[in-house]
C-alpha atoms as a PDB file:
ATOM      1  CA  UNK A   1     -23.710 -25.813 -12.180  1.00  0.00           C
ATOM      2  CA  UNK A   2     -21.263 -28.453 -11.026  1.00  0.00           C
ATOM      3  CA  UNK A   3     -20.224 -30.952 -13.665  1.00  0.00           C
ATOM      4  CA  UNK A   4     -21.528 -28.955 -16.606  1.00  0.00           C
ATOM      5  CA  UNK A   5     -19.234 -28.055 -19.455  1.00  0.00           C
ATOM      6  CA  UNK A   6     -19.534 -24.728 -21.228  1.00  0.00           C
ATOM      7  CA  UNK A   7     -21.315 -26.397 -24.188  1.00  0.00           C
ATOM      8  CA  UNK A   8     -23.895 -27.892 -21.808  1.00  0.00           C
ATOM      9  CA  UNK A   9     -25.034 -24.374 -20.969  1.00  0.00           C
ATOM     10  CA  UNK A  10     -25.643 -23.245 -24.558  1.00  0.00           C
ATOM     11  CA  UNK A  11     -29.255 -23.213 -25.624  1.00  0.00           C
ATOM     12  CA  UNK A  12     -31.613 -22.161 -28.355  1.00  0.00           C
ATOM     13  CA  UNK A  13     -35.139 -21.034 -27.561  1.00  0.00           C
ATOM     14  CA  UNK A  14     -37.528 -21.713 -30.432  1.00  0.00           C
ATOM     15  CA  UNK A  15     -40.454 -19.303 -30.121  1.00  0.00           C
ATOM     16  CA  UNK A  16     -43.846 -20.243 -31.512  1.00  0.00           C
ATOM     17  CA  UNK A  17     -45.866 -17.894 -33.697  1.00  0.00           C
ATOM     18  CA  UNK A  18     -43.328 -15.103 -34.072  1.00  0.00           C
ATOM     19  CA  UNK A  19     -43.886 -12.664 -36.945  1.00  0.00           C
ATOM     20  CA  UNK A  20     -46.992 -14.495 -38.145  1.00  0.00           C
ATOM     21  CA  UNK A  21     -50.681 -13.611 -37.793  1.00  0.00           C
ATOM     22  CA  UNK A  22     -50.071 -10.198 -36.259  1.00  0.00           C
ATOM     23  CA  UNK A  23     -47.514 -11.202 -33.616  1.00  0.00           C
ATOM     24  CA  UNK A  24     -44.674  -9.006 -34.830  1.00  0.00           C
ATOM     25  CA  UNK A  25     -41.494  -8.377 -32.905  1.00  0.00           C
ATOM     26  CA  UNK A  26     -37.977  -7.344 -33.689  1.00  0.00           C
ATOM     27  CA  UNK A  27     -35.367  -9.928 -32.761  1.00  0.00           C
ATOM     28  CA  UNK A  28     -33.238  -7.192 -31.132  1.00  0.00           C
ATOM     29  CA  UNK A  29     -36.137  -6.558 -28.721  1.00  0.00           C
ATOM     30  CA  UNK A  30     -36.508 -10.282 -28.044  1.00  0.00           C
ATOM     31  CA  UNK A  31     -32.769 -10.561 -27.346  1.00  0.00           C
ATOM     32  CA  UNK A  32     -33.053  -7.623 -24.951  1.00  0.00           C
ATOM     33  CA  UNK A  33     -35.809  -9.404 -23.002  1.00  0.00           C
ATOM     34  CA  UNK A  34     -33.603 -12.500 -22.726  1.00  0.00           C
ATOM     35  CA  UNK A  35     -30.682 -10.401 -21.484  1.00  0.00           C
ATOM     36  CA  UNK A  36     -32.873  -8.771 -18.822  1.00  0.00           C
ATOM     37  CA  UNK A  37     -33.704 -12.243 -17.463  1.00  0.00           C
ATOM     38  CA  UNK A  38     -29.986 -12.905 -16.978  1.00  0.00           C
ATOM     39  CA  UNK A  39     -29.228 -14.872 -20.131  1.00  0.00           C
ATOM     40  CA  UNK A  40     -25.740 -14.352 -21.609  1.00  0.00           C
ATOM     41  CA  UNK A  41     -24.298 -14.418 -25.152  1.00  0.00           C
ATOM     42  CA  UNK A  42     -27.769 -13.702 -26.568  1.00  0.00           C
ATOM     43  CA  UNK A  43     -28.245 -13.543 -30.335  1.00  0.00           C
ATOM     44  CA  UNK A  44     -30.876 -14.456 -32.899  1.00  0.00           C
ATOM     45  CA  UNK A  45     -30.894 -16.620 -36.003  1.00  0.00           C
ATOM     46  CA  UNK A  46     -33.338 -15.448 -38.682  1.00  0.00           C
ATOM     47  CA  UNK A  47     -36.463 -13.441 -37.842  1.00  0.00           C
ATOM     48  CA  UNK A  48     -38.581 -16.456 -36.916  1.00  0.00           C
ATOM     49  CA  UNK A  49     -37.781 -16.542 -33.203  1.00  0.00           C
ATOM     50  CA  UNK A  50     -34.644 -18.636 -32.768  1.00  0.00           C
ATOM     51  CA  UNK A  51     -32.713 -17.169 -29.842  1.00  0.00           C
ATOM     52  CA  UNK A  52     -29.271 -18.473 -28.911  1.00  0.00           C
ATOM     53  CA  UNK A  53     -28.013 -17.918 -25.378  1.00  0.00           C
ATOM     54  CA  UNK A  54     -26.072 -19.376 -22.505  1.00  0.00           C
ATOM     55  CA  UNK A  55     -27.343 -19.646 -18.954  1.00  0.00           C
ATOM     56  CA  UNK A  56     -26.416 -20.846 -15.496  1.00  0.00           C
ATOM     57  CA  UNK A  57     -30.061 -21.720 -14.824  1.00  0.00           C
ATOM     58  CA  UNK A  58     -31.199 -25.352 -15.037  1.00  0.00           C
ATOM     59  CA  UNK A  59     -32.639 -26.165 -18.448  1.00  0.00           C
ATOM     60  CA  UNK A  60     -36.034 -27.148 -17.057  1.00  0.00           C
ATOM     61  CA  UNK A  61     -36.431 -23.706 -15.426  1.00  0.00           C
ATOM     62  CA  UNK A  62     -35.619 -21.696 -18.554  1.00  0.00           C
ATOM     63  CA  UNK A  63     -38.924 -22.249 -20.356  1.00  0.00           C
ATOM     64  CA  UNK A  64     -40.987 -20.809 -17.498  1.00  0.00           C
ATOM     65  CA  UNK A  65     -38.656 -17.843 -16.911  1.00  0.00           C
ATOM     66  CA  UNK A  66     -38.471 -16.887 -20.581  1.00  0.00           C
ATOM     67  CA  UNK A  67     -42.157 -17.385 -21.414  1.00  0.00           C
ATOM     68  CA  UNK A  68     -43.139 -15.180 -18.480  1.00  0.00           C
ATOM     69  CA  UNK A  69     -40.699 -12.422 -19.497  1.00  0.00           C
ATOM     70  CA  UNK A  70     -41.755 -12.569 -23.167  1.00  0.00           C
ATOM     71  CA  UNK A  71     -45.478 -12.567 -22.299  1.00  0.00           C
ATOM     72  CA  UNK A  72     -45.103  -9.554 -20.015  1.00  0.00           C
ATOM     73  CA  UNK A  73     -42.910  -7.548 -22.393  1.00  0.00           C
ATOM     74  CA  UNK A  74     -44.843  -8.193 -25.619  1.00  0.00           C
ATOM     75  CA  UNK A  75     -48.346  -8.549 -24.070  1.00  0.00           C
ATOM     76  CA  UNK A  76     -49.109 -11.919 -25.643  1.00  0.00           C
ATOM     77  CA  UNK A  77     -49.159 -15.575 -24.589  1.00  0.00           C
ATOM     78  CA  UNK A  78     -45.594 -16.611 -25.333  1.00  0.00           C
ATOM     79  CA  UNK A  79     -44.782 -20.235 -26.062  1.00  0.00           C
ATOM     80  CA  UNK A  80     -41.196 -21.325 -26.512  1.00  0.00           C
ATOM     81  CA  UNK A  81     -39.186 -24.507 -26.356  1.00  0.00           C
ATOM     82  CA  UNK A  82     -35.619 -24.573 -25.093  1.00  0.00           C
ATOM     83  CA  UNK A  83     -33.153 -27.070 -26.517  1.00  0.00           C
ATOM     84  CA  UNK A  84     -29.503 -27.706 -25.740  1.00  0.00           C
ATOM     85  CA  UNK A  85     -26.873 -27.730 -28.439  1.00  0.00           C
ATOM     86  CA  UNK A  86     -26.760 -31.538 -28.184  1.00  0.00           C
ATOM     87  CA  UNK A  87     -30.544 -31.807 -28.642  1.00  0.00           C
ATOM     88  CA  UNK A  88     -30.425 -29.528 -31.694  1.00  0.00           C
ATOM     89  CA  UNK A  89     -27.626 -31.639 -33.173  1.00  0.00           C
ATOM     90  CA  UNK A  90     -29.818 -34.712 -32.644  1.00  0.00           C
ATOM     91  CA  UNK A  91     -32.800 -33.106 -34.393  1.00  0.00           C
ATOM     92  CA  UNK A  92     -30.674 -32.090 -37.361  1.00  0.00           C
ATOM     93  CA  UNK A  93     -28.599 -35.260 -37.758  1.00  0.00           C
ATOM     94  CA  UNK A  94     -31.379 -37.794 -37.119  1.00  0.00           C
ATOM     95  CA  UNK A  95     -33.531 -36.492 -39.978  1.00  0.00           C
ATOM     96  CA  UNK A  96     -34.751 -39.672 -41.722  1.00  0.00           C
ATOM     97  CA  UNK A  97     -35.490 -38.004 -45.076  1.00  0.00           C
ATOM     98  CA  UNK A  98     -33.098 -37.448 -47.973  1.00  0.00           C
ATOM     99  CA  UNK A  99     -32.757 -33.789 -48.868  1.00  0.00           C
ATOM    100  CA  UNK A 100     -34.727 -32.993 -52.029  1.00  0.00           C
ATOM    101  CA  UNK A 101     -35.136 -29.517 -53.517  1.00  0.00           C
ATOM    102  CA  UNK A 102     -38.807 -30.240 -54.260  1.00  0.00           C
ATOM    103  CA  UNK A 103     -39.647 -30.711 -50.565  1.00  0.00           C
ATOM    104  CA  UNK A 104     -39.538 -28.932 -47.229  1.00  0.00           C
ATOM    105  CA  UNK A 105     -38.466 -31.041 -44.273  1.00  0.00           C
ATOM    106  CA  UNK A 106     -39.528 -29.869 -40.834  1.00  0.00           C
ATOM    107  CA  UNK A 107     -38.282 -30.894 -37.421  1.00  0.00           C
ATOM    108  CA  UNK A 108     -40.487 -30.317 -34.384  1.00  0.00           C
ATOM    109  CA  UNK A 109     -39.632 -29.294 -30.835  1.00  0.00           C
ATOM    110  CA  UNK A 110     -42.091 -29.435 -28.000  1.00  0.00           C
ATOM    111  CA  UNK A 111     -43.364 -31.044 -24.852  1.00  0.00           C
ATOM    112  CA  UNK A 112     -42.723 -34.669 -23.943  1.00  0.00           C
ATOM    113  CA  UNK A 113     -44.907 -37.004 -25.996  1.00  0.00           C
ATOM    114  CA  UNK A 114     -45.658 -34.490 -28.760  1.00  0.00           C
ATOM    115  CA  UNK A 115     -44.042 -36.662 -31.457  1.00  0.00           C
ATOM    116  CA  UNK A 116     -46.614 -39.421 -30.883  1.00  0.00           C
ATOM    117  CA  UNK A 117     -49.511 -36.925 -30.875  1.00  0.00           C
ATOM    118  CA  UNK A 118     -48.300 -35.379 -34.136  1.00  0.00           C
ATOM    119  CA  UNK A 119     -47.847 -38.807 -35.758  1.00  0.00           C
ATOM    120  CA  UNK A 120     -51.371 -39.790 -34.753  1.00  0.00           C
ATOM    121  CA  UNK A 121     -52.749 -36.581 -36.289  1.00  0.00           C
ATOM    122  CA  UNK A 122     -50.644 -37.069 -39.421  1.00  0.00           C
ATOM    123  CA  UNK A 123     -51.875 -40.636 -39.870  1.00  0.00           C
ATOM    124  CA  UNK A 124     -55.517 -39.443 -39.703  1.00  0.00           C
ATOM    125  CA  UNK A 125     -54.993 -36.623 -42.222  1.00  0.00           C
ATOM    126  CA  UNK A 126     -55.325 -36.707 -45.995  1.00  0.00           C
ATOM    127  CA  UNK A 127     -51.876 -36.567 -47.607  1.00  0.00           C
ATOM    128  CA  UNK A 128     -50.671 -34.696 -50.644  1.00  0.00           C
ATOM    129  CA  UNK A 129     -48.497 -36.632 -53.086  1.00  0.00           C
ATOM    130  CA  UNK A 130     -45.077 -37.251 -51.534  1.00  0.00           C
ATOM    131  CA  UNK A 131     -46.037 -36.035 -48.055  1.00  0.00           C
ATOM    132  CA  UNK A 132     -44.541 -38.183 -45.293  1.00  0.00           C
ATOM    133  CA  UNK A 133     -43.873 -38.143 -41.570  1.00  0.00           C
ATOM    134  CA  UNK A 134     -41.629 -40.186 -39.293  1.00  0.00           C
ATOM    135  CA  UNK A 135     -40.567 -40.338 -35.699  1.00  0.00           C
ATOM    136  CA  UNK A 136     -36.868 -40.923 -35.255  1.00  0.00           C
ATOM    137  CA  UNK A 137     -35.628 -41.149 -31.697  1.00  0.00           C
ATOM    138  CA  UNK A 138     -37.726 -38.594 -29.779  1.00  0.00           C
ATOM    139  CA  UNK A 139     -38.111 -36.344 -32.824  1.00  0.00           C
ATOM    140  CA  UNK A 140     -40.994 -35.913 -35.263  1.00  0.00           C
ATOM    141  CA  UNK A 141     -40.200 -35.033 -38.887  1.00  0.00           C
ATOM    142  CA  UNK A 142     -42.522 -33.973 -41.678  1.00  0.00           C
ATOM    143  CA  UNK A 143     -41.687 -33.905 -45.385  1.00  0.00           C
ATOM    144  CA  UNK A 144     -44.073 -31.944 -47.602  1.00  0.00           C
ATOM    145  CA  UNK A 145     -43.847 -30.762 -51.219  1.00  0.00           C
ATOM    146  CA  UNK A 146     -42.820 -27.098 -51.472  1.00  0.00           C
ATOM    147  CA  UNK A 147     -45.881 -24.935 -51.883  1.00  0.00           C
ATOM    148  CA  UNK A 148     -48.109 -27.360 -49.945  1.00  0.00           C
ATOM    149  CA  UNK A 149     -47.042 -26.632 -46.364  1.00  0.00           C
ATOM    150  CA  UNK A 150     -49.978 -24.384 -45.476  1.00  0.00           C
ATOM    151  CA  UNK A 151     -52.438 -26.039 -47.873  1.00  0.00           C
ATOM    152  CA  UNK A 152     -52.021 -29.594 -46.616  1.00  0.00           C
ATOM    153  CA  UNK A 153     -54.555 -31.017 -44.202  1.00  0.00           C
ATOM    154  CA  UNK A 154     -51.793 -31.780 -41.703  1.00  0.00           C
ATOM    155  CA  UNK A 155     -50.466 -28.226 -42.067  1.00  0.00           C
ATOM    156  CA  UNK A 156     -53.892 -26.956 -41.019  1.00  0.00           C
ATOM    157  CA  UNK A 157     -53.935 -29.310 -38.021  1.00  0.00           C
ATOM    158  CA  UNK A 158     -50.638 -27.807 -36.862  1.00  0.00           C
ATOM    159  CA  UNK A 159     -52.335 -24.433 -36.441  1.00  0.00           C
ATOM    160  CA  UNK A 160     -54.973 -25.670 -33.990  1.00  0.00           C
ATOM    161  CA  UNK A 161     -55.221 -23.563 -30.848  1.00  0.00           C
ATOM    162  CA  UNK A 162     -55.278 -26.632 -28.601  1.00  0.00           C
ATOM    163  CA  UNK A 163     -51.772 -27.577 -29.819  1.00  0.00           C
ATOM    164  CA  UNK A 164     -50.062 -24.171 -29.704  1.00  0.00           C
ATOM    165  CA  UNK A 165     -48.595 -24.651 -26.220  1.00  0.00           C
ATOM    166  CA  UNK A 166     -47.227 -28.072 -27.185  1.00  0.00           C
ATOM    167  CA  UNK A 167     -44.765 -27.564 -30.054  1.00  0.00           C
ATOM    168  CA  UNK A 168     -43.245 -25.476 -32.782  1.00  0.00           C
ATOM    169  CA  UNK A 169     -41.545 -26.516 -36.000  1.00  0.00           C
ATOM    170  CA  UNK A 170     -38.633 -25.344 -38.096  1.00  0.00           C
ATOM    171  CA  UNK A 171     -37.408 -26.152 -41.553  1.00  0.00           C
ATOM    172  CA  UNK A 172     -34.308 -28.342 -41.231  1.00  0.00           C
ATOM    173  CA  UNK A 173     -32.314 -25.530 -42.883  1.00  0.00           C
ATOM    174  CA  UNK A 174     -33.056 -23.398 -39.800  1.00  0.00           C
ATOM    175  CA  UNK A 175     -31.644 -26.054 -37.467  1.00  0.00           C
ATOM    176  CA  UNK A 176     -28.520 -26.117 -39.626  1.00  0.00           C
ATOM    177  CA  UNK A 177     -28.157 -22.324 -39.363  1.00  0.00           C
ATOM    178  CA  UNK A 178     -28.636 -22.484 -35.583  1.00  0.00           C
ATOM    179  CA  UNK A 179     -25.927 -25.133 -35.286  1.00  0.00           C
ATOM    180  CA  UNK A 180     -23.486 -23.063 -37.333  1.00  0.00           C
ATOM    181  CA  UNK A 181     -23.984 -20.102 -35.019  1.00  0.00           C
ATOM    182  CA  UNK A 182     -24.307 -21.787 -31.615  1.00  0.00           C
END
């Protein structure tokens, strides 16, 4: 693509629902699917569906191409969200919460407008002690005491079927690992 630098073509696809609730897949198989669609420099970070790659395809086309290939290969409804290196840096560095070993901090990636939807749902939910959420820039962040992620009311909202095509989340530590490898 004219005008792009090499770093502009580096991406990470964040897959939703990988290796949870019966959707099990080996990252080597996922990487193979990406390679068959023409992606280059494909590798994974952790087993939770974080796939690094480079591509000549326009960013807005990648989601459709990759979801179709993943759905066909693994026989499930694949949902993934593609972010550039710059967008991942933004998610990681704009985190509004101080790191605290007693808490998990999650960043969310998803469709346009998802941060406002998540904040609205968070505001309506009952909070555990110390649980917080903020929007910073275009990014939604959630801080929850360790051990309460799946038990919190907001955590349960995140699993709703009507939201699964709209976002996925990662612990901020995962974004850091992605940035170190990208």
